[in-house]
Amino acid sequence: MSGRTIIITGASGGIGAEAARKLTARGEKVVIVGRNPQRTADVARPIGADYFLADFNHLDEVRELARQLDERYERIDVLVNNAGAVAARRRVTFDGFEQDLQVNYLAPFLLTNLLMDRLAACQASVVTTSSVAHRIARLDLDDLQLERGWGVMRAYANSKLLDIVFTRQLQRRFGPLGVNAVCLHPGIVASGFAHDVGRGLGWWYRSRLGRLVMTKPAEAAEGIVFLAEGSPGEDWAPGGYYAGTRRSRTTSRARDRGLAERVWATTAEMLGIEA
C-alpha cells in the first residue's frame, strides 16, 4: 500500500515531523501541515514533501487549509490529526473558544468534516493523536469552554477525551461510507510540548529527569506510522484507541455512545456546520 497521500498536521516538529520522515522513507507521499513557516519548511524540504501553513488558533485558516488540500489533491488516503497544544493559562482564541479546546479538538473536527467528501471518495483513514491524559478528564457539556474551573491539565485532558469521543462517533457515522477512524496515545514524548507551561507539567517536560524517562519522538512516531500504513480491520480496529502500536482501553466515558452523540451535535453547532 505504498505511494498513498498522507496529510499530517502538527508536523513542523516532534512526532509529526518524525512520522513524516519515516513515511516518506517508506515510499508514501506525505503532505506536511505546520504553523511556523521556517520550521515547517525545514522539515518538508529535505524529504521533498509538499507543505501548507495553518494556525489552528484561527478557524478561518483551517477552512482555507481544507479548501487548498481538496483543490490540490485528487486523493487523500490518510488524514493524521496530530496538531496539538497546551496553554499555560486560560486563553480565548480569535474565534471565541478556549485555546486547548479549539486547537486540540474543534480544529481537527472541522478539518475532517470539511474534507469528508474527499475522504469518503478515497476510502480514507483518519488517525487522531489523543493522550492517556483523557483518563483524568472532567468533562461538563454545559461548560466545554471551562469558564468555571479551568486548569492546565483539565483543559488538556478534556480535549483529549473529546478526540477519542470524536473518533468513535466518526467511525459510527462514516464507517459505512468507507472512512475508518482510529486514535492513539503516542507516549509521554520528549519534545517541545508544554515547555511554555509554568510549574508542574512544564517543569516535568523541561527537567532532566523527565527527559530521561520520556519516549523519544522518533520512537513515539511509530504509532502514527503503524496506523497510517496499516489496513483498517486487518492491522487495527476501526474506532479503536491505541497506545503506540498496541490496542488499549479507554475510560467508560470515552465509550459512552450517548455522550458521543451529544458532543457531536454540540460541536457542529459551535462550528456552524451541519450535524
Protein backbone atom coordinates (compact mmCIF):
# COMPACT_ATOMS: atom_id res chain seq x y z
CA MET A 1 0.00 0.00 0.00
CA SER A 2 2.75 2.45 -0.89
CA GLY A 3 2.61 5.79 -2.60
CA ARG A 4 -0.59 7.00 -0.95
CA THR A 5 -1.19 10.63 0.01
CA ILE A 6 -0.94 11.15 3.76
CA ILE A 7 -1.70 14.54 5.33
CA ILE A 8 -0.06 15.15 8.72
CA THR A 9 -0.96 18.21 10.79
CA GLY A 10 1.36 19.39 13.53
CA ALA A 11 4.31 18.13 11.50
CA SER A 12 6.77 21.01 11.89
CA GLY A 13 8.44 19.20 14.80
CA GLY A 14 8.13 16.40 17.33
CA ILE A 15 6.33 13.18 16.46
CA GLY A 16 4.60 14.70 13.43
CA ALA A 17 7.92 15.52 11.79
CA GLU A 18 9.38 12.12 12.67
CA ALA A 19 6.34 10.33 11.28
CA ALA A 20 6.62 12.37 8.07
CA ARG A 21 10.26 11.36 7.64
CA LYS A 22 9.56 7.69 8.31
CA LEU A 23 6.55 7.51 5.99
CA THR A 24 8.39 9.31 3.19
CA ALA A 25 11.28 6.85 3.51
CA ARG A 26 8.74 4.04 3.04
CA GLY A 27 7.53 5.48 -0.25
CA GLU A 28 4.45 7.36 0.90
CA LYS A 29 3.55 10.81 -0.42
CA VAL A 30 3.47 12.92 2.73
CA VAL A 31 1.96 16.38 2.96
CA ILE A 32 3.05 18.41 5.98
CA VAL A 33 0.93 20.99 7.78
CA GLY A 34 2.52 23.30 10.33
CA ARG A 35 2.09 26.70 11.92
CA ASN A 36 5.64 28.07 11.85
CA PRO A 37 6.81 28.84 8.28
CA GLN A 38 10.53 28.23 8.82
CA ARG A 39 10.20 25.09 10.91
CA THR A 40 7.61 23.61 8.56
CA ALA A 41 9.78 24.26 5.51
CA ASP A 42 12.83 22.84 7.31
CA VAL A 43 11.02 19.54 7.80
CA ALA A 44 9.39 19.40 4.36
CA ARG A 45 12.21 20.37 2.01
CA PRO A 46 14.81 17.69 2.92
CA ILE A 47 12.25 14.92 2.33
CA GLY A 48 10.68 16.53 -0.74
CA ALA A 49 7.26 16.90 0.87
CA ASP A 50 4.60 19.42 0.00
CA TYR A 51 3.69 21.67 2.90
CA PHE A 52 0.95 24.05 3.96
CA LEU A 53 0.73 26.59 6.75
CA ALA A 54 -2.22 26.86 9.09
CA ASP A 55 -2.56 28.14 12.66
CA PHE A 56 -5.30 26.16 14.37
CA ASN A 57 -5.88 29.12 16.69
CA HIS A 58 -7.70 30.63 13.68
CA LEU A 59 -10.52 28.52 12.27
CA ASP A 60 -10.55 30.54 9.04
CA GLU A 61 -7.06 29.17 8.42
CA VAL A 62 -8.39 25.64 8.97
CA ARG A 63 -11.15 26.31 6.44
CA GLU A 64 -8.63 27.67 3.94
CA LEU A 65 -6.37 24.67 4.54
CA ALA A 66 -9.25 22.31 3.77
CA ARG A 67 -10.01 24.22 0.58
CA GLN A 68 -6.38 24.08 -0.56
CA LEU A 69 -5.99 20.38 0.21
CA ASP A 70 -9.23 19.49 -1.54
CA GLU A 71 -8.23 21.55 -4.58
CA ARG A 72 -4.66 20.27 -4.75
CA TYR A 73 -5.04 16.52 -4.23
CA GLU A 74 -7.28 14.12 -6.10
CA ARG A 75 -6.61 11.58 -3.37
CA ILE A 76 -6.29 11.85 0.38
CA ASP A 77 -5.72 8.35 1.69
CA VAL A 78 -4.87 9.18 5.29
CA LEU A 79 -5.52 12.29 7.38
CA VAL A 80 -3.42 12.43 10.54
CA ASN A 81 -4.84 14.94 13.03
CA ASN A 82 -1.71 15.44 15.09
CA ALA A 83 -1.57 19.19 15.78
CA GLY A 84 -1.90 19.93 19.47
CA ALA A 85 -1.15 22.43 22.21
CA VAL A 86 -1.37 23.01 25.93
CA ALA A 87 -1.93 26.52 27.26
CA ALA A 88 -0.14 27.91 30.30
CA ARG A 89 -3.25 29.88 31.28
CA ARG A 90 -6.80 30.12 30.05
CA ARG A 91 -6.77 31.82 26.67
CA VAL A 92 -9.62 32.52 24.28
CA THR A 93 -8.89 32.39 20.55
CA PHE A 94 -9.90 34.90 17.91
CA ASP A 95 -12.90 32.64 17.26
CA GLY A 96 -14.02 32.88 20.88
CA PHE A 97 -13.11 29.38 22.04
CA GLU A 98 -10.84 28.19 24.84
CA GLN A 99 -7.47 27.50 23.20
CA ASP A 100 -6.91 23.83 24.08
CA LEU A 101 -10.48 23.02 23.08
CA GLN A 102 -10.04 24.71 19.71
CA VAL A 103 -6.54 23.59 18.74
CA ASN A 104 -6.78 20.01 20.01
CA TYR A 105 -10.39 19.24 19.19
CA LEU A 106 -12.50 21.80 17.32
CA ALA A 107 -9.94 22.41 14.55
CA PRO A 108 -9.39 18.72 13.67
CA PHE A 109 -13.15 18.11 13.90
CA LEU A 110 -13.70 20.96 11.42
CA LEU A 111 -10.87 19.94 9.07
CA THR A 112 -12.04 16.32 8.96
CA ASN A 113 -15.64 17.26 8.25
CA LEU A 114 -14.69 19.79 5.55
CA LEU A 115 -12.63 17.09 3.80
CA MET A 116 -15.23 14.35 4.27
CA ASP A 117 -16.36 14.12 0.64
CA ARG A 118 -12.75 13.58 -0.46
CA LEU A 119 -12.04 11.18 2.41
CA ALA A 120 -15.12 9.10 1.64
CA ALA A 121 -14.36 9.01 -2.08
CA CYS A 122 -10.88 7.66 -1.27
CA GLN A 123 -11.97 5.23 1.47
CA ALA A 124 -9.54 7.07 3.72
CA SER A 125 -8.31 6.54 7.26
CA VAL A 126 -8.43 9.30 9.88
CA VAL A 127 -5.77 8.99 12.60
CA THR A 128 -6.06 11.35 15.57
CA THR A 129 -3.47 11.87 18.30
CA SER A 130 -5.09 11.66 21.72
CA SER A 131 -3.50 11.00 25.10
CA VAL A 132 -3.62 8.83 28.18
CA ALA A 133 -4.43 12.13 29.90
CA HIS A 134 -8.04 11.55 28.86
CA ARG A 135 -8.29 9.35 31.95
CA ILE A 136 -8.28 12.39 34.25
CA ALA A 137 -10.73 14.44 32.19
CA ARG A 138 -13.66 16.11 33.94
CA LEU A 139 -15.96 16.95 31.06
CA ASP A 140 -19.01 19.18 31.56
CA LEU A 141 -21.09 19.57 28.40
CA ASP A 142 -22.59 22.74 29.85
CA ASP A 143 -19.12 24.24 30.24
CA LEU A 144 -16.91 22.88 27.44
CA GLN A 145 -15.02 26.19 27.43
CA LEU A 146 -14.14 25.82 31.12
CA GLU A 147 -15.29 29.27 32.07
CA ARG A 148 -15.55 27.73 35.53
CA GLY A 149 -12.80 25.59 36.99
CA TRP A 150 -10.15 25.93 34.27
CA GLY A 151 -6.83 24.21 34.93
CA VAL A 152 -3.86 23.32 32.71
CA MET A 153 -4.33 19.58 32.94
CA ARG A 154 -8.13 19.67 32.99
CA ALA A 155 -8.26 21.68 29.76
CA TYR A 156 -5.77 19.39 28.05
CA ALA A 157 -7.30 16.15 29.36
CA ASN A 158 -10.81 17.22 28.36
CA SER A 159 -9.68 18.00 24.81
CA LYS A 160 -8.05 14.59 24.51
CA LEU A 161 -11.13 12.80 25.79
CA LEU A 162 -13.10 14.69 23.13
CA ASP A 163 -10.65 13.41 20.49
CA ILE A 164 -11.48 9.82 21.44
CA VAL A 165 -15.21 10.51 21.53
CA PHE A 166 -14.86 12.17 18.11
CA THR A 167 -13.01 9.13 16.73
CA ARG A 168 -15.66 6.68 17.86
CA GLN A 169 -18.53 8.78 16.57
CA LEU A 170 -16.69 9.43 13.29
CA GLN A 171 -16.46 5.66 12.82
CA ARG A 172 -20.16 5.20 13.55
CA ARG A 173 -21.25 7.95 11.18
CA PHE A 174 -18.84 7.48 8.28
CA GLY A 175 -17.61 3.89 8.60
CA PRO A 176 -20.46 2.76 6.31
CA LEU A 177 -19.08 5.16 3.68
CA GLY A 178 -15.63 3.57 3.89
CA VAL A 179 -13.97 6.13 6.15
CA ASN A 180 -12.21 4.46 9.08
CA ALA A 181 -11.12 6.30 12.20
CA VAL A 182 -8.63 5.46 14.93
CA CYS A 183 -6.81 7.37 17.66
CA LEU A 184 -3.71 6.85 19.75
CA HIS A 185 -1.69 7.82 22.77
CA PRO A 186 1.88 8.11 21.39
CA GLY A 187 3.54 8.08 24.82
CA ILE A 188 4.93 10.82 27.03
CA VAL A 189 7.20 12.34 24.43
CA ALA A 190 10.43 14.29 24.94
CA SER A 191 9.59 17.20 22.66
CA GLY A 192 8.94 20.94 22.91
CA PHE A 193 5.39 20.24 24.04
CA ALA A 194 4.36 22.08 27.25
CA HIS A 195 7.68 23.92 27.59
CA ASP A 196 5.86 27.22 27.99
CA VAL A 197 3.72 25.94 30.83
CA GLY A 198 4.86 27.01 34.29
CA ARG A 199 5.18 24.79 37.32
CA GLY A 200 4.12 21.15 37.40
CA LEU A 201 3.63 19.91 33.84
CA GLY A 202 6.03 22.43 32.31
CA TRP A 203 8.72 21.71 34.88
CA TRP A 204 8.45 17.99 34.18
CA TYR A 205 8.85 18.47 30.42
CA ARG A 206 11.87 20.74 30.92
CA SER A 207 13.58 18.66 33.59
CA ARG A 208 16.49 16.28 33.04
CA LEU A 209 14.64 13.54 34.90
CA GLY A 210 11.60 13.97 32.70
CA ARG A 211 13.68 13.76 29.55
CA LEU A 212 15.33 10.55 30.78
CA VAL A 213 12.06 8.67 31.21
CA MET A 214 10.13 10.11 28.27
CA THR A 215 9.83 8.46 24.87
CA LYS A 216 11.97 9.92 22.09
CA PRO A 217 9.95 11.48 19.22
CA ALA A 218 11.31 9.01 16.65
CA GLU A 219 10.12 6.08 18.77
CA ALA A 220 6.76 7.68 19.59
CA ALA A 221 6.14 8.35 15.90
CA GLU A 222 5.99 4.61 15.25
CA GLY A 223 2.40 4.58 16.48
CA ILE A 224 1.36 7.08 13.82
CA VAL A 225 3.34 5.20 11.16
CA PHE A 226 1.74 1.89 12.15
CA LEU A 227 -1.80 3.27 11.93
CA ALA A 228 -1.19 5.38 8.81
CA GLU A 229 0.29 2.45 6.90
CA GLY A 230 -1.97 -0.23 8.29
CA SER A 231 -5.22 -1.54 6.86
CA PRO A 232 -8.32 -0.93 8.99
CA GLY A 233 -9.96 -4.16 10.04
CA GLU A 234 -6.74 -6.08 9.43
CA ASP A 235 -3.92 -4.24 11.18
CA TRP A 236 -6.00 -2.09 13.50
CA ALA A 237 -9.56 -1.94 14.80
CA PRO A 238 -11.74 0.83 13.32
CA GLY A 239 -12.88 3.18 16.07
CA GLY A 240 -10.14 1.87 18.35
CA TYR A 241 -7.73 3.56 20.74
CA TYR A 242 -4.07 2.57 20.68
CA ALA A 243 -1.12 3.09 22.98
CA GLY A 244 1.66 3.22 20.43
CA THR A 245 1.10 0.19 18.22
CA ARG A 246 -0.99 -1.81 20.71
CA ARG A 247 -4.72 -1.54 21.25
CA SER A 248 -5.61 -0.16 24.65
CA ARG A 249 -8.68 0.51 26.77
CA THR A 250 -10.23 3.89 27.39
CA THR A 251 -12.36 5.16 30.24
CA SER A 252 -16.04 4.26 30.21
CA ARG A 253 -16.89 7.88 29.44
CA ALA A 254 -14.88 7.70 26.22
CA ARG A 255 -17.04 4.72 25.19
CA ASP A 256 -20.37 6.38 26.04
CA ARG A 257 -22.35 6.49 22.78
CA GLY A 258 -24.96 8.86 24.17
CA LEU A 259 -22.24 11.29 25.20
CA ALA A 260 -20.63 10.99 21.76
CA GLU A 261 -23.88 11.87 20.01
CA ARG A 262 -24.47 14.89 22.26
CA VAL A 263 -20.88 16.07 21.85
CA TRP A 264 -21.08 15.77 18.05
CA ALA A 265 -24.28 17.82 17.89
CA THR A 266 -22.90 20.44 20.27
CA THR A 267 -19.62 20.71 18.34
CA ALA A 268 -21.35 21.06 14.99
CA GLU A 269 -23.49 23.85 16.43
CA MET A 270 -20.41 25.61 17.83
CA LEU A 271 -18.70 25.47 14.45
CA GLY A 272 -21.77 26.31 12.41
CA ILE A 273 -21.67 23.17 10.30
CA GLU A 274 -24.27 20.53 9.57
CA ALA A 275 -24.63 17.92 12.27
